[in-house]
Amino acid sequence: MSKEPTTEHDRDARRLTRRDFLGVSAGAAGAAATGGLGALVTGCASADRRVTSLAPPRQATPVERAKAPVGPLPKRTLGRTGLKITAFSMGAIGANVDVFKAGLDRGVNFIHCAQGYGTLDRVATAIAGRRPRPLLGLKYERAGAVDWDHLNRSLEALKVDHVEVLFFPLNTPEAARDRAHLEFFNQVKRQKKARFIGLTSHSNVAPTLQAAIAAGFWDVLMPSYPPSPQARGALRPVLEQAAKKKLGVVAMKTIGGIAPNALAEMRTAAAQVLADRTVTTLCKGVLTFELLDACLGAATAKPTRAESTALREHLVARQGETCFLCGGCPPSQHLRGRARPRLLLCADGMPAVRARAVPRPAGGAARRRL
């Protein structure tokens, strides 16, 4: 059995580039179609000899192991919007342009982004010249205010004249019921800068979504949907209500609390979400080709019983060490996924810590309260 790389040089040699990712995937797909497993290995080797030569004997590289889709990724209808969206979509926090391009090359057609992520220019680079243009969801980070400068700057940075969904980040039932958001959106829609209205929710998720469903004017919901059994159990009936009202659901934070290097468990957690047909798409920020490939695999295969058991054991082992982004803690105590032993416990028995308040940016002349 070969040893894992121990030096930084060895680890760099094993790190995949975008050319590796696309080349090996293409070679593997062609070889598998014509000659089975033996041809698969040969095809991968011919696609990129450097990657396979450094892989352990009889073990595939991360790209080879991934169950890459043959043909287009499966698409689902985003509720009453009618948009056909891939089951896996990409978030733009910390966006890596090469990984983004690889995901788009593999068929991903929806990206969620925000000016506050600091990556709109990278999204613009990744989508430039693509026809049809990938669908875009933009978080309007001035929820509760009218700020045309903020919206226009976001569109300019993306180098587009409109986005498909304009998302408002809201975390209370009162905010979800506030029709002032709809009034502002209608102005945006009349100017043809957005087509549909969406809501994102990171905390107090279930009651916020219930209020949004009852309000009747939201087209798309984007809830935090972590692997915590408590969080998913609370949200499941709410998502069923959303499906009955023909609302699109974009699930985020689906692997919160899973160890950063546990790709198999991440893939299983993502696959479990996508096995739920009330979810239209799973949106995940991906910084590496390995994680991208794991998420693409989750979009095309259901988890086995053994994989689900391994994930459950992983979560149990992590309990008490890591926040699972369940939304049970007040915002002032939210841990945001960082491991902190012996701290305040949240509603799920996970540790929580007081987070530093982030000041809202000062608005310009174009900003006013709704």
Protein backbone atom coordinates (compact mmCIF):
# COMPACT_ATOMS: atom_id res chain seq x y z
CA MET A 1 0.00 0.00 0.00
CA SER A 2 1.49 3.33 -1.06
CA LYS A 3 1.98 6.15 1.39
CA GLU A 4 0.05 9.40 1.31
CA PRO A 5 2.08 12.46 0.21
CA THR A 6 3.95 13.91 3.19
CA THR A 7 5.66 17.00 1.77
CA GLU A 8 4.16 20.18 0.38
CA HIS A 9 5.75 19.33 -3.00
CA ASP A 10 4.01 15.95 -3.00
CA ARG A 11 0.67 17.51 -2.09
CA ASP A 12 1.07 20.11 -4.83
CA ALA A 13 1.77 17.37 -7.34
CA ARG A 14 -1.50 15.69 -6.42
CA ARG A 15 -3.58 18.89 -6.56
CA LEU A 16 -5.84 18.98 -9.58
CA THR A 17 -5.94 21.80 -12.12
CA ARG A 18 -8.97 22.68 -14.23
CA ARG A 19 -7.29 21.03 -17.23
CA ASP A 20 -6.75 17.86 -15.16
CA PHE A 21 -10.38 17.88 -14.06
CA LEU A 22 -11.88 18.30 -17.51
CA GLY A 23 -9.37 16.09 -19.29
CA VAL A 24 -9.62 13.16 -16.91
CA SER A 25 -13.41 13.38 -16.77
CA ALA A 26 -13.66 13.36 -20.55
CA GLY A 27 -11.20 10.52 -20.90
CA ALA A 28 -12.93 8.48 -18.22
CA ALA A 29 -16.36 8.95 -19.76
CA GLY A 30 -15.18 7.95 -23.23
CA ALA A 31 -13.27 4.96 -22.00
CA ALA A 32 -16.11 3.70 -19.83
CA ALA A 33 -18.51 3.88 -22.76
CA THR A 34 -16.34 1.65 -24.94
CA GLY A 35 -14.35 -0.70 -22.78
CA GLY A 36 -15.52 -1.04 -19.20
CA LEU A 37 -13.34 -0.63 -16.11
CA GLY A 38 -10.06 -1.54 -17.76
CA ALA A 39 -10.62 0.93 -20.54
CA LEU A 40 -11.71 3.48 -17.95
CA VAL A 41 -8.35 3.35 -16.21
CA THR A 42 -6.50 3.42 -19.54
CA GLY A 43 -8.61 6.31 -20.77
CA CYS A 44 -7.96 8.29 -17.63
CA ALA A 45 -4.25 7.64 -17.89
CA SER A 46 -4.15 8.84 -21.48
CA ALA A 47 -6.18 11.92 -20.59
CA ASP A 48 -3.64 13.00 -17.97
CA ARG A 49 -0.74 10.69 -17.27
CA ARG A 50 0.60 12.90 -14.50
CA VAL A 51 -2.48 12.50 -12.29
CA THR A 52 -2.78 8.72 -12.61
CA SER A 53 0.93 8.13 -12.28
CA LEU A 54 0.88 9.76 -8.84
CA ALA A 55 -2.30 8.03 -7.65
CA PRO A 56 -1.96 4.98 -5.38
CA PRO A 57 -1.95 1.67 -7.30
CA ARG A 58 -5.45 0.37 -8.08
CA GLN A 59 -6.96 3.53 -6.59
CA ALA A 60 -8.63 6.20 -8.68
CA THR A 61 -7.99 9.91 -8.36
CA PRO A 62 -10.74 12.06 -6.83
CA VAL A 63 -11.95 12.94 -10.31
CA GLU A 64 -12.03 9.29 -11.42
CA ARG A 65 -13.85 8.24 -8.27
CA ALA A 66 -16.59 10.80 -8.75
CA LYS A 67 -19.73 9.61 -10.46
CA ALA A 68 -19.66 12.30 -13.08
CA PRO A 69 -22.90 12.65 -15.06
CA VAL A 70 -22.96 11.14 -18.53
CA GLY A 71 -24.65 13.81 -20.60
CA PRO A 72 -26.43 16.83 -19.08
CA LEU A 73 -27.03 17.22 -15.37
CA PRO A 74 -30.61 16.52 -14.30
CA LYS A 75 -32.78 19.64 -14.20
CA ARG A 76 -35.82 20.49 -12.12
CA THR A 77 -38.42 23.22 -12.45
CA LEU A 78 -37.92 26.10 -10.02
CA GLY A 79 -41.51 26.23 -8.86
CA ARG A 80 -43.89 28.62 -10.57
CA THR A 81 -41.01 30.54 -12.17
CA GLY A 82 -40.87 27.80 -14.81
CA LEU A 83 -37.07 28.06 -14.91
CA LYS A 84 -35.30 24.77 -15.60
CA ILE A 85 -32.46 24.63 -13.11
CA THR A 86 -29.79 21.98 -12.52
CA ALA A 87 -30.15 19.89 -9.37
CA PHE A 88 -26.75 21.19 -8.25
CA SER A 89 -25.98 24.90 -8.44
CA MET A 90 -23.04 26.99 -7.30
CA GLY A 91 -22.71 29.68 -4.66
CA ALA A 92 -20.19 32.49 -5.11
CA ILE A 93 -18.69 32.82 -1.63
CA GLY A 94 -14.94 32.57 -2.18
CA ALA A 95 -15.51 31.73 -5.85
CA ASN A 96 -12.63 30.11 -7.74
CA VAL A 97 -12.91 31.08 -11.41
CA ASP A 98 -11.39 27.85 -12.75
CA VAL A 99 -13.65 25.68 -10.59
CA PHE A 100 -16.64 27.79 -11.61
CA LYS A 101 -15.79 27.37 -15.28
CA ALA A 102 -15.40 23.63 -14.81
CA GLY A 103 -18.81 23.43 -13.15
CA LEU A 104 -20.42 25.41 -15.96
CA ASP A 105 -18.66 23.20 -18.52
CA ARG A 106 -20.21 20.19 -16.82
CA GLY A 107 -23.69 21.68 -17.15
CA VAL A 108 -24.38 23.68 -13.96
CA ASN A 109 -26.70 26.52 -15.00
CA PHE A 110 -27.46 28.53 -11.83
CA ILE A 111 -25.21 30.72 -9.66
CA HIS A 112 -26.17 32.51 -6.46
CA CYS A 113 -24.08 35.61 -5.78
CA ALA A 114 -23.96 38.83 -3.77
CA GLN A 115 -21.96 42.02 -3.74
CA GLY A 116 -20.99 41.33 -0.14
CA TYR A 117 -19.20 38.12 -1.16
CA GLY A 118 -16.62 40.19 -3.03
CA THR A 119 -16.65 37.82 -6.01
CA LEU A 120 -19.00 39.35 -8.58
CA ASP A 121 -16.06 40.04 -10.87
CA ARG A 122 -15.08 36.36 -10.75
CA VAL A 123 -18.63 35.31 -11.55
CA ALA A 124 -18.60 37.75 -14.49
CA THR A 125 -15.36 36.20 -15.77
CA ALA A 126 -16.73 32.67 -15.45
CA ILE A 127 -19.99 33.37 -17.32
CA ALA A 128 -18.56 35.71 -19.97
CA GLY A 129 -19.46 34.65 -23.52
CA ARG A 130 -21.54 31.65 -22.50
CA ARG A 131 -24.72 31.11 -24.48
CA PRO A 132 -27.21 30.65 -23.07
CA ARG A 133 -26.04 32.69 -20.12
CA PRO A 134 -26.20 30.81 -16.80
CA LEU A 135 -29.16 31.75 -14.63
CA LEU A 136 -28.30 34.15 -11.81
CA GLY A 137 -29.70 34.69 -8.33
CA LEU A 138 -28.53 37.93 -6.69
CA LYS A 139 -28.85 38.66 -2.98
CA TYR A 140 -30.07 42.21 -2.44
CA GLU A 141 -28.24 43.03 0.76
CA ARG A 142 -30.20 46.17 1.56
CA ALA A 143 -33.39 44.36 2.53
CA GLY A 144 -35.64 46.86 4.26
CA ALA A 145 -34.28 49.77 2.24
CA VAL A 146 -34.34 51.10 -1.30
CA ASP A 147 -30.80 51.35 -2.65
CA TRP A 148 -30.71 51.55 -6.44
CA ASP A 149 -26.96 52.29 -6.40
CA HIS A 150 -26.31 48.98 -4.64
CA LEU A 151 -28.43 47.05 -7.14
CA ASN A 152 -27.00 48.78 -10.19
CA ARG A 153 -23.41 48.32 -9.00
CA SER A 154 -24.06 44.61 -8.57
CA LEU A 155 -25.42 44.28 -12.11
CA GLU A 156 -22.52 46.29 -13.52
CA ALA A 157 -20.00 44.09 -11.72
CA LEU A 158 -21.69 41.00 -13.15
CA LYS A 159 -21.75 42.65 -16.60
CA VAL A 160 -25.42 41.75 -17.06
CA ASP A 161 -28.55 43.85 -17.42
CA HIS A 162 -30.73 41.61 -15.26
CA VAL A 163 -30.79 38.59 -12.98
CA GLU A 164 -33.38 35.85 -12.88
CA VAL A 165 -34.06 35.95 -9.11
CA LEU A 166 -33.56 38.86 -6.71
CA PHE A 167 -33.20 37.45 -3.18
CA PHE A 168 -33.97 39.37 0.02
CA PRO A 169 -32.17 38.04 3.16
CA LEU A 170 -34.83 37.87 5.90
CA ASN A 171 -34.94 36.02 9.20
CA THR A 172 -38.23 36.92 10.88
CA PRO A 173 -41.86 36.19 10.04
CA GLU A 174 -42.63 39.91 10.22
CA ALA A 175 -40.05 40.70 7.56
CA ALA A 176 -41.26 37.86 5.34
CA ARG A 177 -44.81 39.25 5.45
CA ASP A 178 -43.73 42.83 4.70
CA ARG A 179 -45.13 43.74 1.27
CA ALA A 180 -42.70 46.66 1.02
CA HIS A 181 -40.22 44.12 -0.37
CA LEU A 182 -42.70 43.24 -3.10
CA GLU A 183 -43.31 46.92 -3.89
CA PHE A 184 -39.60 47.53 -4.38
CA PHE A 185 -39.20 44.33 -6.39
CA ASN A 186 -42.03 45.36 -8.70
CA GLN A 187 -40.14 48.57 -9.47
CA VAL A 188 -37.05 46.48 -10.25
CA LYS A 189 -39.09 44.14 -12.42
CA ARG A 190 -40.64 47.02 -14.38
CA GLN A 191 -37.12 48.14 -15.22
CA LYS A 192 -36.39 44.56 -16.36
CA LYS A 193 -33.55 44.11 -13.88
CA ALA A 194 -34.97 40.98 -12.25
CA ARG A 195 -37.68 38.48 -13.14
CA PHE A 196 -38.62 36.76 -9.88
CA ILE A 197 -38.54 37.53 -6.16
CA GLY A 198 -36.84 35.25 -3.65
CA LEU A 199 -36.14 35.06 0.08
CA THR A 200 -33.07 33.68 1.84
CA SER A 201 -33.14 32.70 5.50
CA HIS A 202 -30.23 31.67 7.72
CA SER A 203 -31.83 31.64 11.17
CA ASN A 204 -35.34 31.29 12.59
CA VAL A 205 -35.85 29.49 9.30
CA ALA A 206 -39.05 27.47 9.74
CA PRO A 207 -41.30 30.29 11.01
CA THR A 208 -39.82 32.72 8.49
CA LEU A 209 -40.57 30.37 5.61
CA GLN A 210 -44.06 29.65 6.90
CA ALA A 211 -44.79 33.38 6.93
CA ALA A 212 -43.35 33.75 3.42
CA ILE A 213 -45.56 30.94 2.11
CA ALA A 214 -48.64 32.50 3.72
CA ALA A 215 -47.74 35.93 2.29
CA GLY A 216 -48.25 34.52 -1.19
CA PHE A 217 -45.95 36.79 -3.20
CA TRP A 218 -42.59 35.03 -2.95
CA ASP A 219 -41.51 32.90 -5.94
CA VAL A 220 -38.39 31.21 -4.54
CA LEU A 221 -37.27 30.25 -1.03
CA MET A 222 -33.60 29.71 -0.13
CA PRO A 223 -33.39 28.24 3.38
CA SER A 224 -30.45 27.05 5.39
CA TYR A 225 -30.89 23.25 5.37
CA PRO A 226 -28.02 21.71 7.36
CA PRO A 227 -27.50 17.98 7.99
CA SER A 228 -28.68 18.28 11.59
CA PRO A 229 -31.63 15.85 11.97
CA GLN A 230 -33.39 18.42 14.18
CA ALA A 231 -33.11 21.18 11.57
CA ARG A 232 -34.23 18.98 8.68
CA GLY A 233 -37.06 17.49 10.71
CA ALA A 234 -38.38 20.97 11.48
CA LEU A 235 -38.12 22.15 7.89
CA ARG A 236 -39.48 19.11 6.10
CA PRO A 237 -43.20 19.92 6.59
CA VAL A 238 -42.54 23.55 5.66
CA LEU A 239 -40.91 22.53 2.40
CA GLU A 240 -43.88 20.28 1.66
CA GLN A 241 -46.13 23.33 2.06
CA ALA A 242 -43.87 25.27 -0.31
CA ALA A 243 -44.09 22.50 -2.90
CA LYS A 244 -47.90 22.55 -2.74
CA LYS A 245 -47.81 26.29 -3.43
CA LYS A 246 -45.42 25.67 -6.33
CA LEU A 247 -42.56 27.64 -4.81
CA GLY A 248 -39.01 26.90 -5.90
CA VAL A 249 -36.63 25.81 -3.13
CA VAL A 250 -32.87 26.43 -3.26
CA ALA A 251 -31.23 24.59 -0.33
CA MET A 252 -28.06 26.07 1.17
CA LYS A 253 -25.74 25.27 4.11
CA THR A 254 -26.40 21.59 3.44
CA ILE A 255 -23.05 20.29 4.69
CA GLY A 256 -22.52 22.60 7.68
CA GLY A 257 -20.62 20.87 10.47
CA ILE A 258 -19.12 18.11 8.32
CA ALA A 259 -15.32 17.93 8.52
CA PRO A 260 -13.65 19.89 5.66
CA ASN A 261 -11.81 16.84 4.34
CA ALA A 262 -14.77 14.43 4.57
CA LEU A 263 -15.72 14.51 0.90
CA ALA A 264 -17.61 11.21 1.00
CA GLU A 265 -19.79 12.42 3.87
CA MET A 266 -20.36 15.76 2.10
CA ARG A 267 -21.46 13.94 -1.02
CA THR A 268 -23.84 11.75 0.98
CA ALA A 269 -25.34 14.74 2.80
CA ALA A 270 -25.88 16.52 -0.52
CA ALA A 271 -27.39 13.42 -2.11
CA GLN A 272 -29.82 13.06 0.80
CA VAL A 273 -31.04 16.61 0.22
CA LEU A 274 -31.51 16.04 -3.51
CA ALA A 275 -33.39 12.80 -2.87
CA ASP A 276 -36.06 15.07 -1.38
CA ARG A 277 -38.15 16.23 -4.33
CA THR A 278 -39.39 19.29 -2.44
CA VAL A 279 -35.89 20.71 -3.02
CA THR A 280 -35.31 22.11 -6.50
CA THR A 281 -31.57 22.58 -6.29
CA LEU A 282 -28.72 22.33 -3.80
CA CYS A 283 -26.56 25.46 -3.90
CA LYS A 284 -23.00 25.11 -2.62
CA GLY A 285 -19.88 27.20 -2.85
CA VAL A 286 -17.08 25.06 -4.25
CA LEU A 287 -13.43 26.04 -4.06
CA THR A 288 -11.82 22.78 -5.20
CA PHE A 289 -12.32 20.37 -8.09
CA GLU A 290 -12.65 17.50 -5.64
CA LEU A 291 -15.61 19.12 -3.87
CA LEU A 292 -17.16 20.09 -7.20
CA ASP A 293 -16.95 16.51 -8.39
CA ALA A 294 -18.48 15.24 -5.13
CA CYS A 295 -21.43 17.63 -5.50
CA LEU A 296 -21.93 16.72 -9.15
CA GLY A 297 -21.98 13.07 -8.14
CA ALA A 298 -24.61 13.81 -5.50
CA ALA A 299 -26.86 15.23 -8.22
CA THR A 300 -26.92 11.94 -10.11
CA ALA A 301 -26.99 9.18 -7.49
CA LYS A 302 -28.95 8.34 -4.36
CA PRO A 303 -26.98 7.53 -1.20
CA THR A 304 -26.69 3.88 -0.21
CA ARG A 305 -27.60 2.61 3.24
CA ALA A 306 -23.91 2.17 4.07
CA GLU A 307 -23.16 5.76 3.01
CA SER A 308 -26.04 7.10 5.10
CA THR A 309 -24.83 5.11 8.09
CA ALA A 310 -21.30 6.46 7.66
CA LEU A 311 -22.65 10.01 7.53
CA ARG A 312 -24.75 9.50 10.66
CA GLU A 313 -21.72 8.15 12.53
CA HIS A 314 -19.65 11.10 11.33
CA LEU A 315 -22.24 13.58 12.59
CA VAL A 316 -22.48 11.84 15.96
CA ALA A 317 -18.70 11.94 16.31
CA ARG A 318 -18.68 15.67 15.52
CA GLN A 319 -21.52 16.50 17.89
CA GLY A 320 -20.43 18.63 20.79
CA GLU A 321 -17.45 19.95 18.81
CA THR A 322 -18.96 21.80 15.88
CA CYS A 323 -21.99 23.96 15.13
CA PHE A 324 -24.24 22.36 12.52
CA LEU A 325 -25.80 25.64 11.42
CA CYS A 326 -29.19 24.40 12.58
CA GLY A 327 -30.50 27.92 13.17
CA GLY A 328 -31.53 27.16 16.74
CA CYS A 329 -29.19 29.72 18.28
CA PRO A 330 -29.87 33.46 18.39
CA PRO A 331 -27.68 35.33 15.88
CA SER A 332 -25.55 36.71 18.73
CA GLN A 333 -24.58 33.16 19.71
CA HIS A 334 -24.13 31.64 16.27
CA LEU A 335 -20.92 29.66 15.89
CA ARG A 336 -20.87 29.60 12.06
CA GLY A 337 -19.30 26.15 11.79
CA ARG A 338 -16.16 26.77 13.87
CA ALA A 339 -15.23 24.09 16.39
CA ARG A 340 -15.36 25.43 19.95
CA PRO A 341 -15.38 23.00 22.91
CA ARG A 342 -16.98 23.84 26.27
CA LEU A 343 -18.96 26.88 25.16
CA LEU A 344 -22.60 27.87 25.40
CA LEU A 345 -24.89 25.19 24.05
CA CYS A 346 -27.45 25.92 21.36
CA ALA A 347 -30.90 24.36 21.08
CA ASP A 348 -29.49 21.22 19.46
CA GLY A 349 -26.88 20.70 22.16
CA MET A 350 -24.18 22.05 19.84
CA PRO A 351 -21.70 24.64 21.15
CA ALA A 352 -22.28 28.27 20.35
CA VAL A 353 -20.21 31.40 20.81
CA ARG A 354 -20.99 35.07 20.72
CA ALA A 355 -20.17 36.43 17.29
CA ARG A 356 -18.84 39.92 16.69
CA ALA A 357 -21.51 42.22 15.31
CA VAL A 358 -20.89 43.20 11.70
CA PRO A 359 -21.76 46.86 11.05
CA ARG A 360 -24.00 47.52 8.07
CA PRO A 361 -22.38 49.70 5.39
CA ALA A 362 -23.51 53.28 5.32
CA GLY A 363 -25.99 54.02 2.56
CA GLY A 364 -25.73 56.79 -0.02
CA ALA A 365 -28.28 59.26 -1.22
CA ALA A 366 -30.11 56.54 -3.15
CA ARG A 367 -30.81 54.56 0.02
CA ARG A 368 -33.94 55.10 2.08
CA ARG A 369 -36.09 53.00 4.36
CA LEU A 370 -38.92 51.12 2.72
